Amino acid sequence: QVDVVLLPYYLFMHVWIALFGNSEIA
């Protein structure tokens, strides 16, 4: 529906959040 151009970035951040959490700093 939206932001398909950001899918690779979202996928990277999906893995990053799983490893390091979702704080502002992380």
PDB file of all heavy atoms in Angstrom:
ATOM      1  N   GLN A   1       0.813  -1.212   0.000  1.00  0.00           N
ATOM      2  CA  GLN A   1       0.000   0.000   0.000  1.00  0.00           C
ATOM      3  C   GLN A   1       0.850   1.268   0.000  1.00  0.00           C
ATOM      4  O   GLN A   1       0.465   2.283  -0.576  1.00  0.00           O
ATOM      5  CB  GLN A   1      -0.913   0.006   1.234  1.00  0.00           C
ATOM      6  CG  GLN A   1      -1.790  -1.223   1.376  1.00  0.00           C
ATOM      7  CD  GLN A   1      -2.797  -1.347   0.247  1.00  0.00           C
ATOM      8  OE1 GLN A   1      -3.295  -0.346  -0.269  1.00  0.00           O
ATOM      9  NE2 GLN A   1      -3.105  -2.577  -0.132  1.00  0.00           N
ATOM     10  N   VAL A   2       2.003   1.237   0.676  1.00  0.00           N
ATOM     11  CA  VAL A   2       2.784   2.450   0.875  1.00  0.00           C
ATOM     12  C   VAL A   2       4.236   2.075   1.164  1.00  0.00           C
ATOM     13  O   VAL A   2       4.525   0.983   1.667  1.00  0.00           O
ATOM     14  CB  VAL A   2       2.196   3.277   2.053  1.00  0.00           C
ATOM     15  CG1 VAL A   2       2.388   2.561   3.383  1.00  0.00           C
ATOM     16  CG2 VAL A   2       2.788   4.678   2.121  1.00  0.00           C
ATOM     17  N   ASP A   3       5.163   2.969   0.803  1.00  0.00           N
ATOM     18  CA  ASP A   3       6.580   2.852   1.185  1.00  0.00           C
ATOM     19  C   ASP A   3       7.291   1.633   0.614  1.00  0.00           C
ATOM     20  O   ASP A   3       8.247   1.132   1.225  1.00  0.00           O
ATOM     21  CB  ASP A   3       6.727   2.834   2.717  1.00  0.00           C
ATOM     22  CG  ASP A   3       6.754   4.234   3.319  1.00  0.00           C
ATOM     23  OD1 ASP A   3       6.716   5.208   2.543  1.00  0.00           O
ATOM     24  OD2 ASP A   3       6.798   4.351   4.548  1.00  0.00           O
ATOM     25  N   VAL A   4       6.903   1.141  -0.558  1.00  0.00           N
ATOM     26  CA  VAL A   4       7.616   0.001  -1.130  1.00  0.00           C
ATOM     27  C   VAL A   4       9.080   0.342  -1.373  1.00  0.00           C
ATOM     28  O   VAL A   4       9.960  -0.528  -1.299  1.00  0.00           O
ATOM     29  CB  VAL A   4       6.939  -0.477  -2.425  1.00  0.00           C
ATOM     30  CG1 VAL A   4       7.095   0.556  -3.544  1.00  0.00           C
ATOM     31  CG2 VAL A   4       7.502  -1.834  -2.860  1.00  0.00           C
ATOM     32  N   VAL A   5       9.385   1.619  -1.645  1.00  0.00           N
ATOM     33  CA  VAL A   5      10.771   2.014  -1.890  1.00  0.00           C
ATOM     34  C   VAL A   5      11.632   1.856  -0.638  1.00  0.00           C
ATOM     35  O   VAL A   5      12.859   1.800  -0.728  1.00  0.00           O
ATOM     36  CB  VAL A   5      10.850   3.472  -2.391  1.00  0.00           C
ATOM     37  CG1 VAL A   5      10.195   3.604  -3.753  1.00  0.00           C
ATOM     38  CG2 VAL A   5      10.229   4.441  -1.399  1.00  0.00           C
ATOM     39  N   LEU A   6      10.994   1.795   0.528  1.00  0.00           N
ATOM     40  CA  LEU A   6      11.742   1.661   1.774  1.00  0.00           C
ATOM     41  C   LEU A   6      11.773   0.224   2.287  1.00  0.00           C
ATOM     42  O   LEU A   6      12.291  -0.019   3.391  1.00  0.00           O
ATOM     43  CB  LEU A   6      11.132   2.572   2.849  1.00  0.00           C
ATOM     44  CG  LEU A   6      11.104   4.069   2.529  1.00  0.00           C
ATOM     45  CD1 LEU A   6      10.556   4.848   3.718  1.00  0.00           C
ATOM     46  CD2 LEU A   6      12.491   4.575   2.166  1.00  0.00           C
ATOM     47  N   LEU A   7      11.245  -0.718   1.524  1.00  0.00           N
ATOM     48  CA  LEU A   7      11.199  -2.101   1.987  1.00  0.00           C
ATOM     49  C   LEU A   7      12.584  -2.637   2.357  1.00  0.00           C
ATOM     50  O   LEU A   7      12.733  -3.263   3.419  1.00  0.00           O
ATOM     51  CB  LEU A   7      10.537  -2.989   0.935  1.00  0.00           C
ATOM     52  CG  LEU A   7      10.497  -4.490   1.261  1.00  0.00           C
ATOM     53  CD1 LEU A   7       9.759  -4.747   2.572  1.00  0.00           C
ATOM     54  CD2 LEU A   7       9.861  -5.272   0.118  1.00  0.00           C
ATOM     55  N   PRO A   8      13.626  -2.437   1.544  1.00  0.00           N
ATOM     56  CA  PRO A   8      14.944  -2.957   1.956  1.00  0.00           C
ATOM     57  C   PRO A   8      15.417  -2.367   3.287  1.00  0.00           C
ATOM     58  O   PRO A   8      15.975  -3.089   4.124  1.00  0.00           O
ATOM     59  CB  PRO A   8      15.861  -2.530   0.804  1.00  0.00           C
ATOM     60  CG  PRO A   8      14.953  -2.366  -0.362  1.00  0.00           C
ATOM     61  CD  PRO A   8      13.676  -1.834   0.201  1.00  0.00           C
ATOM     62  N   TYR A   9      15.181  -1.078   3.483  1.00  0.00           N
ATOM     63  CA  TYR A   9      15.572  -0.454   4.749  1.00  0.00           C
ATOM     64  C   TYR A   9      14.762  -1.026   5.900  1.00  0.00           C
ATOM     65  O   TYR A   9      15.313  -1.326   6.978  1.00  0.00           O
ATOM     66  CB  TYR A   9      15.378   1.054   4.659  1.00  0.00           C
ATOM     67  CG  TYR A   9      15.707   1.790   5.942  1.00  0.00           C
ATOM     68  CD1 TYR A   9      17.016   1.903   6.383  1.00  0.00           C
ATOM     69  CD2 TYR A   9      14.690   2.357   6.712  1.00  0.00           C
ATOM     70  CE1 TYR A   9      17.319   2.578   7.564  1.00  0.00           C
ATOM     71  CE2 TYR A   9      14.983   3.025   7.891  1.00  0.00           C
ATOM     72  CZ  TYR A   9      16.302   3.140   8.309  1.00  0.00           C
ATOM     73  OH  TYR A   9      16.588   3.791   9.478  1.00  0.00           O
ATOM     74  N   TYR A  10      13.460  -1.207   5.705  1.00  0.00           N
ATOM     75  CA  TYR A  10      12.625  -1.783   6.755  1.00  0.00           C
ATOM     76  C   TYR A  10      13.055  -3.217   7.078  1.00  0.00           C
ATOM     77  O   TYR A  10      13.040  -3.630   8.243  1.00  0.00           O
ATOM     78  CB  TYR A  10      11.156  -1.766   6.341  1.00  0.00           C
ATOM     79  CG  TYR A  10      10.515  -0.392   6.306  1.00  0.00           C
ATOM     80  CD1 TYR A  10       9.397  -0.140   5.513  1.00  0.00           C
ATOM     81  CD2 TYR A  10      11.015   0.654   7.075  1.00  0.00           C
ATOM     82  CE1 TYR A  10       8.798   1.120   5.488  1.00  0.00           C
ATOM     83  CE2 TYR A  10      10.429   1.912   7.054  1.00  0.00           C
ATOM     84  CZ  TYR A  10       9.318   2.133   6.256  1.00  0.00           C
ATOM     85  OH  TYR A  10       8.726   3.382   6.241  1.00  0.00           O
ATOM     86  N   LEU A  11      13.422  -3.991   6.068  1.00  0.00           N
ATOM     87  CA  LEU A  11      13.878  -5.362   6.320  1.00  0.00           C
ATOM     88  C   LEU A  11      15.173  -5.359   7.126  1.00  0.00           C
ATOM     89  O   LEU A  11      15.357  -6.167   8.054  1.00  0.00           O
ATOM     90  CB  LEU A  11      14.080  -6.104   4.994  1.00  0.00           C
ATOM     91  CG  LEU A  11      12.803  -6.472   4.238  1.00  0.00           C
ATOM     92  CD1 LEU A  11      13.149  -7.024   2.859  1.00  0.00           C
ATOM     93  CD2 LEU A  11      11.978  -7.491   5.023  1.00  0.00           C
ATOM     94  N   PHE A  12      16.080  -4.460   6.768  1.00  0.00           N
ATOM     95  CA  PHE A  12      17.325  -4.344   7.536  1.00  0.00           C
ATOM     96  C   PHE A  12      17.027  -3.979   8.986  1.00  0.00           C
ATOM     97  O   PHE A  12      17.569  -4.589   9.917  1.00  0.00           O
ATOM     98  CB  PHE A  12      18.232  -3.299   6.897  1.00  0.00           C
ATOM     99  CG  PHE A  12      19.392  -2.891   7.768  1.00  0.00           C
ATOM    100  CD1 PHE A  12      20.494  -3.720   7.909  1.00  0.00           C
ATOM    101  CD2 PHE A  12      19.368  -1.692   8.466  1.00  0.00           C
ATOM    102  CE1 PHE A  12      21.559  -3.358   8.729  1.00  0.00           C
ATOM    103  CE2 PHE A  12      20.422  -1.323   9.287  1.00  0.00           C
ATOM    104  CZ  PHE A  12      21.523  -2.161   9.414  1.00  0.00           C
ATOM    105  N   MET A  13      16.138  -2.996   9.183  1.00  0.00           N
ATOM    106  CA  MET A  13      15.816  -2.565  10.533  1.00  0.00           C
ATOM    107  C   MET A  13      15.037  -3.640  11.287  1.00  0.00           C
ATOM    108  O   MET A  13      15.109  -3.722  12.515  1.00  0.00           O
ATOM    109  CB  MET A  13      15.021  -1.258  10.491  1.00  0.00           C
ATOM    110  CG  MET A  13      15.840  -0.051  10.029  1.00  0.00           C
ATOM    111  SD  MET A  13      17.309   0.275  11.035  1.00  0.00           S
ATOM    112  CE  MET A  13      16.559   0.646  12.623  1.00  0.00           C
ATOM    113  N   HIS A  14      14.282  -4.473  10.576  1.00  0.00           N
ATOM    114  CA  HIS A  14      13.574  -5.587  11.215  1.00  0.00           C
ATOM    115  C   HIS A  14      14.580  -6.516  11.900  1.00  0.00           C
ATOM    116  O   HIS A  14      14.389  -6.920  13.061  1.00  0.00           O
ATOM    117  CB  HIS A  14      12.770  -6.351  10.158  1.00  0.00           C
ATOM    118  CG  HIS A  14      11.993  -7.507  10.687  1.00  0.00           C
ATOM    119  ND1 HIS A  14      10.708  -7.389  11.194  1.00  0.00           N
ATOM    120  CD2 HIS A  14      12.318  -8.834  10.800  1.00  0.00           C
ATOM    121  CE1 HIS A  14      10.277  -8.565  11.585  1.00  0.00           C
ATOM    122  NE2 HIS A  14      11.228  -9.465  11.364  1.00  0.00           N
ATOM    123  N   VAL A  15      15.645  -6.822  11.187  1.00  0.00           N
ATOM    124  CA  VAL A  15      16.692  -7.677  11.759  1.00  0.00           C
ATOM    125  C   VAL A  15      17.427  -6.931  12.872  1.00  0.00           C
ATOM    126  O   VAL A  15      17.726  -7.498  13.931  1.00  0.00           O
ATOM    127  CB  VAL A  15      17.672  -8.129  10.657  1.00  0.00           C
ATOM    128  CG1 VAL A  15      18.819  -8.935  11.256  1.00  0.00           C
ATOM    129  CG2 VAL A  15      16.943  -8.944   9.599  1.00  0.00           C
ATOM    130  N   TRP A  16      17.724  -5.654  12.637  1.00  0.00           N
ATOM    131  CA  TRP A  16      18.462  -4.855  13.620  1.00  0.00           C
ATOM    132  C   TRP A  16      17.693  -4.782  14.953  1.00  0.00           C
ATOM    133  O   TRP A  16      18.285  -4.936  16.024  1.00  0.00           O
ATOM    134  CB  TRP A  16      18.706  -3.457  13.057  1.00  0.00           C
ATOM    135  CG  TRP A  16      19.558  -2.596  13.946  1.00  0.00           C
ATOM    136  CD1 TRP A  16      19.143  -1.773  14.947  1.00  0.00           C
ATOM    137  CD2 TRP A  16      20.982  -2.485  13.912  1.00  0.00           C
ATOM    138  NE1 TRP A  16      20.206  -1.142  15.548  1.00  0.00           N
ATOM    139  CE2 TRP A  16      21.342  -1.559  14.929  1.00  0.00           C
ATOM    140  CE3 TRP A  16      21.980  -3.051  13.121  1.00  0.00           C
ATOM    141  CZ2 TRP A  16      22.679  -1.204  15.172  1.00  0.00           C
ATOM    142  CZ3 TRP A  16      23.312  -2.697  13.359  1.00  0.00           C
ATOM    143  CH2 TRP A  16      23.639  -1.795  14.372  1.00  0.00           C
ATOM    144  N   ILE A  17      16.391  -4.535  14.869  1.00  0.00           N
ATOM    145  CA  ILE A  17      15.572  -4.446  16.084  1.00  0.00           C
ATOM    146  C   ILE A  17      15.570  -5.781  16.827  1.00  0.00           C
ATOM    147  O   ILE A  17      15.638  -5.825  18.064  1.00  0.00           O
ATOM    148  CB  ILE A  17      14.136  -4.013  15.729  1.00  0.00           C
ATOM    149  CG1 ILE A  17      14.120  -2.539  15.312  1.00  0.00           C
ATOM    150  CG2 ILE A  17      13.189  -4.228  16.903  1.00  0.00           C
ATOM    151  CD1 ILE A  17      12.787  -2.069  14.764  1.00  0.00           C
ATOM    152  N   ALA A  18      15.506  -6.880  16.074  1.00  0.00           N
ATOM    153  CA  ALA A  18      15.536  -8.205  16.710  1.00  0.00           C
ATOM    154  C   ALA A  18      16.838  -8.419  17.478  1.00  0.00           C
ATOM    155  O   ALA A  18      16.854  -9.089  18.515  1.00  0.00           O
ATOM    156  CB  ALA A  18      15.351  -9.285  15.656  1.00  0.00           C
ATOM    157  N   LEU A  19      17.931  -7.827  16.981  1.00  0.00           N
ATOM    158  CA  LEU A  19      19.231  -8.026  17.616  1.00  0.00           C
ATOM    159  C   LEU A  19      19.511  -7.020  18.728  1.00  0.00           C
ATOM    160  O   LEU A  19      20.082  -7.375  19.766  1.00  0.00           O
ATOM    161  CB  LEU A  19      20.344  -7.927  16.556  1.00  0.00           C
ATOM    162  CG  LEU A  19      20.380  -9.033  15.496  1.00  0.00           C
ATOM    163  CD1 LEU A  19      21.425  -8.722  14.445  1.00  0.00           C
ATOM    164  CD2 LEU A  19      20.655 -10.386  16.134  1.00  0.00           C
ATOM    165  N   PHE A  20      19.112  -5.762  18.524  1.00  0.00           N
ATOM    166  CA  PHE A  20      19.558  -4.688  19.413  1.00  0.00           C
ATOM    167  C   PHE A  20      18.427  -3.921  20.096  1.00  0.00           C
ATOM    168  O   PHE A  20      18.683  -3.003  20.878  1.00  0.00           O
ATOM    169  CB  PHE A  20      20.449  -3.709  18.644  1.00  0.00           C
ATOM    170  CG  PHE A  20      21.651  -4.352  18.027  1.00  0.00           C
ATOM    171  CD1 PHE A  20      21.705  -4.601  16.664  1.00  0.00           C
ATOM    172  CD2 PHE A  20      22.728  -4.742  18.819  1.00  0.00           C
ATOM    173  CE1 PHE A  20      22.815  -5.211  16.094  1.00  0.00           C
ATOM    174  CE2 PHE A  20      23.847  -5.344  18.257  1.00  0.00           C
ATOM    175  CZ  PHE A  20      23.891  -5.582  16.890  1.00  0.00           C
ATOM    176  N   GLY A  21      17.178  -4.229  19.800  1.00  0.00           N
ATOM    177  CA  GLY A  21      16.070  -3.559  20.456  1.00  0.00           C
ATOM    178  C   GLY A  21      15.567  -2.354  19.675  1.00  0.00           C
ATOM    179  O   GLY A  21      16.103  -1.995  18.625  1.00  0.00           O
ATOM    180  N   ASN A  22      14.517  -1.722  20.224  1.00  0.00           N
ATOM    181  CA  ASN A  22      13.844  -0.641  19.489  1.00  0.00           C
ATOM    182  C   ASN A  22      13.946   0.708  20.200  1.00  0.00           C
ATOM    183  O   ASN A  22      13.114   1.580  19.981  1.00  0.00           O
ATOM    184  CB  ASN A  22      12.373  -0.998  19.269  1.00  0.00           C
ATOM    185  CG  ASN A  22      11.579  -1.021  20.588  1.00  0.00           C
ATOM    186  OD1 ASN A  22      12.158  -1.002  21.669  1.00  0.00           O
ATOM    187  ND2 ASN A  22      10.264  -1.061  20.483  1.00  0.00           N
ATOM    188  N   SER A  23      14.958   0.897  21.027  1.00  0.00           N
ATOM    189  CA  SER A  23      15.143   2.215  21.644  1.00  0.00           C
ATOM    190  C   SER A  23      15.552   3.229  20.590  1.00  0.00           C
ATOM    191  O   SER A  23      16.026   2.872  19.501  1.00  0.00           O
ATOM    192  CB  SER A  23      16.198   2.154  22.742  1.00  0.00           C
ATOM    193  OG  SER A  23      17.489   1.965  22.181  1.00  0.00           O
ATOM    194  N   GLU A  24      15.403   4.507  20.918  1.00  0.00           N
ATOM    195  CA  GLU A  24      15.813   5.553  19.981  1.00  0.00           C
ATOM    196  C   GLU A  24      17.282   5.408  19.619  1.00  0.00           C
ATOM    197  O   GLU A  24      17.668   5.549  18.451  1.00  0.00           O
ATOM    198  CB  GLU A  24      15.558   6.945  20.572  1.00  0.00           C
ATOM    199  CG  GLU A  24      14.094   7.312  20.726  1.00  0.00           C
ATOM    200  CD  GLU A  24      13.557   7.006  22.104  1.00  0.00           C
ATOM    201  OE1 GLU A  24      14.198   6.200  22.822  1.00  0.00           O
ATOM    202  OE2 GLU A  24      12.507   7.555  22.463  1.00  0.00           O
ATOM    203  N   ILE A  25      18.122   5.147  20.630  1.00  0.00           N
ATOM    204  CA  ILE A  25      19.560   5.021  20.370  1.00  0.00           C
ATOM    205  C   ILE A  25      19.832   3.833  19.460  1.00  0.00           C
ATOM    206  O   ILE A  25      20.541   3.947  18.450  1.00  0.00           O
ATOM    207  CB  ILE A  25      20.338   4.887  21.692  1.00  0.00           C
ATOM    208  CG1 ILE A  25      20.244   6.181  22.501  1.00  0.00           C
ATOM    209  CG2 ILE A  25      21.801   4.544  21.421  1.00  0.00           C
ATOM    210  CD1 ILE A  25      20.898   6.108  23.873  1.00  0.00           C
ATOM    211  N   ALA A  26      19.267   2.680  19.799  1.00  0.00           N
ATOM    212  CA  ALA A  26      19.530   1.468  19.023  1.00  0.00           C
ATOM    213  C   ALA A  26      19.121   1.638  17.567  1.00  0.00           C
ATOM    214  O   ALA A  26      19.851   1.237  16.650  1.00  0.00           O
ATOM    215  CB  ALA A  26      18.798   0.285  19.638  1.00  0.00           C
TER     216      ALA A  26
END
